[in-house]
Amino acid sequence: MKTYPYILQPYKGMSTRFVCPACKKRDKTFTLYIDTETKQPLHYTVGICNRLSKCGYHYTPKQYFIDNNMGFTKPVYYSPPTLFKQQAISYIPDVVFTASLKQYSNNHFVQFLSSLFNDDVVQKLVHKYYIGTAKYWQGTTVFWQVDASGKIHTGKLMLYNPTTGKRVKQPYNHIQWAHKTIGQTNFNLRQCLFGEHLLAHNNQQVALVESEKTALIASVYLPDFIWLAAGSLSNLTLQKCKVLQDKSVTLYPDLNGFEKWNAKAKELSAICEISVSNLLERHASQTEKQQGLDLADYLVG
């Protein structure tokens, strides 16, 4: 059996994945080539990005030796390079976060909530989930991502129709990120689950949905769960969900995301007790499936 002096580093958690030197995505998409004897990386640029279609970076050991006139077939003696130091995670300043927790009469999403629930319920939701208001667009809502230790990773700025509760997507999709609006340079973002702060000292079962809006509304109708949101269909990642270690979790994907989240649940089963609700799939019409309705659409419909 042929052996190779260098292999791609086997996955042993996110500590074995790094920032790609080409696309520089912060969610660690890069796998290094390591020496099979020393288990050390050849060089921090020698590896492959798993974003094959969007990046495609693949720098092999052979090409590295050619580029450096080292001769791949000759014995190479070198001191294992020190891995580049991972940039520390950045956080939103408390003063920015605190300043947003007001002016709810100008917040279109809070206005929509007020059409569904009484003032006491709305106030509890606003304070429980740290809903903010911004002036980025008239009526902007901020969904802050606060982790279980109370650190603020970022905030998602979104604009809603105050009457229908639907997102404003015309003439463009009104979504922005708080860390991009505060002028903080070299911001190293690592997102967390929306509502993650609710996990601190709480042993309730967890329900996880795609959108922040759905988590908020579902928490009123089904209060026996801690309702969290991944932020989108593609944002249900192992990195984000590490905080769910050893918890009992039920996923409630939108109708257009059942298959993807059902597959993702198999990966997450390594860290928590997890199931995927097929409630919507069993009751939805073909039209509703095509529309990609979510749990909130049924709860308030």
Protein backbone atom coordinates (compact mmCIF):
# COMPACT_ATOMS: atom_id res chain seq x y z
CA MET A 1 0.00 0.00 0.00
CA LYS A 2 1.42 3.37 -1.07
CA THR A 3 2.03 5.87 1.66
CA TYR A 4 2.33 9.62 1.30
CA PRO A 5 4.63 11.95 3.23
CA TYR A 6 1.86 14.56 3.51
CA ILE A 7 -1.86 14.15 4.02
CA LEU A 8 -4.78 16.45 4.69
CA GLN A 9 -5.19 16.91 8.43
CA PRO A 10 -7.99 14.64 9.75
CA TYR A 11 -10.92 16.48 11.30
CA LYS A 12 -10.78 16.56 15.10
CA GLY A 13 -12.94 19.55 15.81
CA MET A 14 -12.77 23.16 14.65
CA SER A 15 -9.30 23.56 16.15
CA THR A 16 -8.05 21.55 13.15
CA ARG A 17 -9.62 23.91 10.60
CA PHE A 18 -8.32 27.34 9.72
CA VAL A 19 -8.97 30.54 7.79
CA CYS A 20 -8.45 30.09 4.05
CA PRO A 21 -5.57 32.31 2.82
CA ALA A 22 -7.50 32.96 -0.41
CA CYS A 23 -11.14 33.71 0.47
CA LYS A 24 -10.39 34.49 4.14
CA LYS A 25 -13.76 33.27 5.37
CA ARG A 26 -13.82 33.47 9.16
CA ASP A 27 -15.75 30.25 9.69
CA LYS A 28 -12.61 28.11 9.26
CA THR A 29 -12.99 26.47 5.87
CA PHE A 30 -9.33 25.54 5.38
CA THR A 31 -7.69 22.11 5.85
CA LEU A 32 -3.87 21.95 6.05
CA TYR A 33 -1.53 19.30 4.73
CA ILE A 34 0.46 17.73 7.57
CA ASP A 35 3.60 15.59 7.74
CA THR A 36 2.53 11.99 8.37
CA GLU A 37 5.47 11.43 10.73
CA THR A 38 5.63 14.64 12.74
CA LYS A 39 1.89 15.50 12.38
CA GLN A 40 3.00 19.09 11.82
CA PRO A 41 1.70 21.31 9.01
CA LEU A 42 3.97 21.92 6.06
CA HIS A 43 3.07 25.60 5.74
CA TYR A 44 0.00 27.65 6.63
CA THR A 45 -0.74 28.21 2.92
CA VAL A 46 -0.52 24.54 1.91
CA GLY A 47 -3.97 23.02 2.02
CA ILE A 48 -7.44 23.05 0.52
CA CYS A 49 -10.51 25.22 1.03
CA ASN A 50 -13.78 23.31 1.40
CA ARG A 51 -15.62 26.06 -0.47
CA LEU A 52 -14.83 24.22 -3.69
CA SER A 53 -17.25 26.01 -5.99
CA LYS A 54 -16.95 29.52 -4.50
CA CYS A 55 -13.23 29.57 -3.73
CA GLY A 56 -11.49 26.45 -5.06
CA TYR A 57 -8.13 27.19 -3.41
CA HIS A 58 -5.93 24.08 -3.36
CA TYR A 59 -2.19 24.45 -2.81
CA THR A 60 -0.52 21.03 -2.77
CA PRO A 61 2.77 20.06 -1.08
CA LYS A 62 4.21 19.20 -4.50
CA GLN A 63 3.50 22.67 -5.86
CA TYR A 64 4.84 24.24 -2.68
CA PHE A 65 8.18 22.44 -3.10
CA ILE A 66 8.33 23.38 -6.78
CA ASP A 67 7.56 27.02 -6.04
CA ASN A 68 10.31 27.10 -3.42
CA ASN A 69 12.90 25.14 -5.50
CA MET A 70 13.04 22.44 -2.85
CA GLY A 71 12.44 19.33 -4.96
CA PHE A 72 9.48 17.27 -3.84
CA THR A 73 11.19 13.87 -4.25
CA LYS A 74 14.22 14.78 -2.14
CA PRO A 75 14.30 14.51 1.62
CA VAL A 76 13.34 17.80 3.12
CA TYR A 77 14.48 18.84 6.56
CA TYR A 78 12.81 21.81 8.11
CA SER A 79 11.54 23.10 11.39
CA PRO A 80 7.76 22.76 11.48
CA PRO A 81 6.33 26.24 10.87
CA THR A 82 4.36 27.92 13.60
CA LEU A 83 0.72 28.12 12.63
CA PHE A 84 -0.57 31.60 12.07
CA LYS A 85 -2.31 32.83 15.17
CA GLN A 86 -6.08 32.94 14.94
CA GLN A 87 -7.45 36.44 15.29
CA ALA A 88 -9.41 36.94 18.49
CA ILE A 89 -13.20 37.08 18.17
CA SER A 90 -14.56 40.62 18.04
CA TYR A 91 -17.58 41.82 19.97
CA ILE A 92 -19.98 44.74 19.77
CA PRO A 93 -19.33 47.42 22.44
CA ASP A 94 -21.90 47.42 25.23
CA VAL A 95 -22.62 51.09 24.66
CA VAL A 96 -23.75 50.41 21.07
CA PHE A 97 -25.95 47.54 22.19
CA THR A 98 -27.51 49.46 25.09
CA ALA A 99 -28.21 52.54 22.97
CA SER A 100 -30.45 50.46 20.69
CA LEU A 101 -32.76 49.20 23.44
CA LYS A 102 -35.31 51.98 23.08
CA GLN A 103 -37.56 53.87 20.65
CA TYR A 104 -39.81 50.86 20.15
CA SER A 105 -42.64 53.05 18.91
CA ASN A 106 -40.49 53.59 15.80
CA ASN A 107 -39.64 49.90 15.41
CA HIS A 108 -41.72 48.33 12.63
CA PHE A 109 -41.28 44.78 13.86
CA VAL A 110 -42.31 45.71 17.41
CA GLN A 111 -45.34 47.47 15.91
CA PHE A 112 -46.25 44.20 14.20
CA LEU A 113 -45.85 42.27 17.46
CA SER A 114 -48.21 44.78 19.09
CA SER A 115 -50.87 43.79 16.56
CA LEU A 116 -50.60 40.17 17.73
CA PHE A 117 -50.10 40.41 21.48
CA ASN A 118 -50.93 42.73 24.35
CA ASP A 119 -48.43 45.29 25.64
CA ASP A 120 -47.19 43.12 28.52
CA VAL A 121 -46.33 40.23 26.20
CA VAL A 122 -44.60 42.52 23.70
CA GLN A 123 -42.52 44.17 26.40
CA LYS A 124 -41.47 40.80 27.76
CA LEU A 125 -40.44 39.64 24.28
CA VAL A 126 -38.46 42.81 23.61
CA HIS A 127 -36.53 42.54 26.89
CA LYS A 128 -36.17 38.77 26.84
CA TYR A 129 -34.62 38.68 23.36
CA TYR A 130 -32.84 42.05 23.47
CA ILE A 131 -34.65 43.49 20.47
CA GLY A 132 -33.05 46.74 19.35
CA THR A 133 -34.03 49.71 17.21
CA ALA A 134 -31.77 51.42 14.67
CA LYS A 135 -31.96 54.40 12.33
CA TYR A 136 -30.30 52.59 9.42
CA TRP A 137 -33.69 52.56 7.69
CA GLN A 138 -36.80 54.13 9.12
CA GLY A 139 -38.26 51.46 11.44
CA THR A 140 -35.21 49.15 11.51
CA THR A 141 -35.14 46.22 13.96
CA VAL A 142 -31.92 44.82 15.41
CA PHE A 143 -31.80 41.14 16.37
CA TRP A 144 -28.76 41.01 18.65
CA GLN A 145 -26.72 37.81 18.88
CA VAL A 146 -25.76 37.53 22.55
CA ASP A 147 -23.98 34.39 23.67
CA ALA A 148 -24.45 32.40 26.87
CA SER A 149 -21.77 34.45 28.64
CA GLY A 150 -23.41 37.75 27.70
CA LYS A 151 -21.00 38.81 24.95
CA ILE A 152 -22.53 40.53 21.92
CA HIS A 153 -21.26 38.99 18.67
CA THR A 154 -23.23 41.13 16.23
CA GLY A 155 -26.74 42.25 15.41
CA LYS A 156 -28.81 41.62 12.32
CA LEU A 157 -30.52 44.77 11.08
CA MET A 158 -33.76 44.03 9.24
CA LEU A 159 -36.74 46.00 8.01
CA TYR A 160 -40.30 44.69 8.29
CA ASN A 161 -43.69 45.81 7.10
CA PRO A 162 -45.37 46.91 10.37
CA THR A 163 -48.79 45.68 9.20
CA THR A 164 -48.02 42.30 7.64
CA GLY A 165 -44.85 41.42 9.54
CA LYS A 166 -43.20 40.47 6.27
CA ARG A 167 -39.62 41.43 5.50
CA VAL A 168 -39.13 44.35 3.12
CA LYS A 169 -37.35 42.93 0.05
CA GLN A 170 -38.09 45.64 -2.51
CA PRO A 171 -36.41 47.42 -4.16
CA TYR A 172 -33.73 45.35 -2.39
CA ASN A 173 -33.44 42.96 0.53
CA HIS A 174 -33.20 45.12 3.65
CA ILE A 175 -30.61 43.25 5.73
CA GLN A 176 -27.42 44.66 7.24
CA TRP A 177 -25.04 43.72 10.06
CA ALA A 178 -24.38 45.85 13.12
CA HIS A 179 -20.63 45.23 13.03
CA LYS A 180 -20.52 46.77 9.56
CA THR A 181 -22.25 49.95 10.68
CA ILE A 182 -20.12 50.90 13.70
CA GLY A 183 -16.86 51.61 11.88
CA GLN A 184 -14.85 49.05 13.82
CA THR A 185 -11.92 47.93 11.63
CA ASN A 186 -10.67 44.34 11.38
CA PHE A 187 -13.82 43.02 13.03
CA ASN A 188 -13.47 39.25 13.40
CA LEU A 189 -17.03 37.96 13.43
CA ARG A 190 -18.08 34.62 14.83
CA GLN A 191 -21.85 34.39 14.90
CA CYS A 192 -23.80 32.67 17.65
CA LEU A 193 -27.40 31.51 17.84
CA PHE A 194 -30.03 34.18 18.25
CA GLY A 195 -31.38 33.83 21.79
CA GLU A 196 -28.34 31.88 22.97
CA HIS A 197 -28.14 33.99 26.14
CA LEU A 198 -31.35 32.29 27.31
CA LEU A 199 -29.46 29.01 27.74
CA ALA A 200 -27.55 30.28 30.77
CA HIS A 201 -28.68 28.39 33.88
CA ASN A 202 -31.73 27.02 32.05
CA ASN A 203 -32.45 23.32 31.58
CA GLN A 204 -35.58 23.61 29.44
CA GLN A 205 -35.73 21.74 26.16
CA VAL A 206 -34.54 23.75 23.19
CA ALA A 207 -36.46 24.42 19.97
CA LEU A 208 -34.45 25.76 17.07
CA VAL A 209 -35.92 27.53 14.02
CA GLU A 210 -34.50 29.43 11.08
CA SER A 211 -35.67 33.01 11.62
CA GLU A 212 -35.53 35.33 14.60
CA LYS A 213 -39.13 36.36 13.99
CA THR A 214 -40.31 32.74 14.26
CA ALA A 215 -38.38 32.17 17.50
CA LEU A 216 -40.01 35.20 19.11
CA ILE A 217 -43.56 34.33 18.07
CA ALA A 218 -43.23 30.63 18.88
CA SER A 219 -41.95 31.45 22.37
CA VAL A 220 -45.36 32.99 23.16
CA TYR A 221 -47.44 30.08 21.88
CA LEU A 222 -45.14 27.27 23.06
CA PRO A 223 -43.38 28.57 26.20
CA ASP A 224 -42.19 25.17 27.42
CA PHE A 225 -39.21 25.46 25.06
CA ILE A 226 -36.26 27.82 24.86
CA TRP A 227 -36.72 29.15 21.32
CA LEU A 228 -33.53 29.93 19.40
CA ALA A 229 -32.86 30.84 15.77
CA ALA A 230 -30.00 29.91 13.45
CA GLY A 231 -30.64 32.98 11.31
CA SER A 232 -31.11 31.16 8.00
CA LEU A 233 -31.38 27.73 6.41
CA SER A 234 -27.63 27.47 5.84
CA ASN A 235 -26.55 28.84 9.23
CA LEU A 236 -27.20 25.70 11.25
CA THR A 237 -23.55 24.81 11.79
CA LEU A 238 -21.71 22.63 14.27
CA GLN A 239 -19.67 25.64 15.38
CA LYS A 240 -22.81 27.59 16.30
CA CYS A 241 -24.45 24.62 17.98
CA LYS A 242 -21.60 23.61 20.30
CA VAL A 243 -23.42 25.55 23.00
CA LEU A 244 -26.21 22.92 22.80
CA GLN A 245 -23.89 20.21 24.13
CA ASP A 246 -25.89 17.52 26.00
CA LYS A 247 -29.20 19.35 25.62
CA SER A 248 -32.47 18.04 24.22
CA VAL A 249 -33.13 19.88 20.94
CA THR A 250 -35.97 19.85 18.42
CA LEU A 251 -35.46 21.44 15.00
CA TYR A 252 -38.38 23.18 13.29
CA PRO A 253 -37.16 23.93 9.76
CA ASP A 254 -39.13 25.98 7.26
CA LEU A 255 -41.01 23.94 4.67
CA ASN A 256 -38.27 24.39 2.09
CA GLY A 257 -35.54 23.29 4.49
CA PHE A 258 -36.74 20.00 5.96
CA GLU A 259 -34.40 17.71 4.01
CA LYS A 260 -31.32 19.85 4.63
CA TRP A 261 -31.93 20.20 8.37
CA ASN A 262 -32.84 16.52 8.66
CA ALA A 263 -29.40 15.71 7.25
CA LYS A 264 -27.75 18.30 9.49
CA ALA A 265 -29.38 16.71 12.55
CA LYS A 266 -27.26 13.59 12.01
CA GLU A 267 -24.12 15.69 12.38
CA LEU A 268 -25.42 17.49 15.45
CA SER A 269 -26.46 14.23 17.11
CA ALA A 270 -22.82 13.85 18.17
CA ILE A 271 -23.21 16.69 20.67
CA CYS A 272 -26.87 16.67 21.72
CA GLU A 273 -30.11 14.71 21.75
CA ILE A 274 -31.78 16.00 18.60
CA SER A 275 -34.92 15.44 16.55
CA VAL A 276 -36.51 17.15 13.56
CA SER A 277 -40.20 18.02 13.68
CA ASN A 278 -42.17 17.04 10.58
CA LEU A 279 -45.28 18.84 11.81
CA LEU A 280 -45.30 21.32 8.94
CA GLU A 281 -44.41 18.70 6.35
CA ARG A 282 -47.38 16.55 7.38
CA HIS A 283 -49.94 19.35 7.23
CA ALA A 284 -48.71 21.66 4.47
CA SER A 285 -50.19 21.83 1.01
CA GLN A 286 -47.97 21.72 -2.06
CA THR A 287 -48.43 25.46 -2.51
CA GLU A 288 -47.39 26.14 1.08
CA LYS A 289 -44.30 23.99 0.60
CA GLN A 290 -43.36 25.96 -2.51
CA GLN A 291 -43.80 29.18 -0.55
CA GLY A 292 -41.47 27.91 2.16
CA LEU A 293 -43.80 28.82 5.02
CA ASP A 294 -42.50 28.53 8.57
CA LEU A 295 -43.95 27.75 11.98
CA ALA A 296 -44.83 31.40 12.67
CA ASP A 297 -46.99 31.55 9.55
CA TYR A 298 -49.19 28.82 11.03
CA LEU A 299 -49.18 30.15 14.58
CA VAL A 300 -50.40 33.61 13.60
CA GLY A 301 -52.33 32.58 10.49
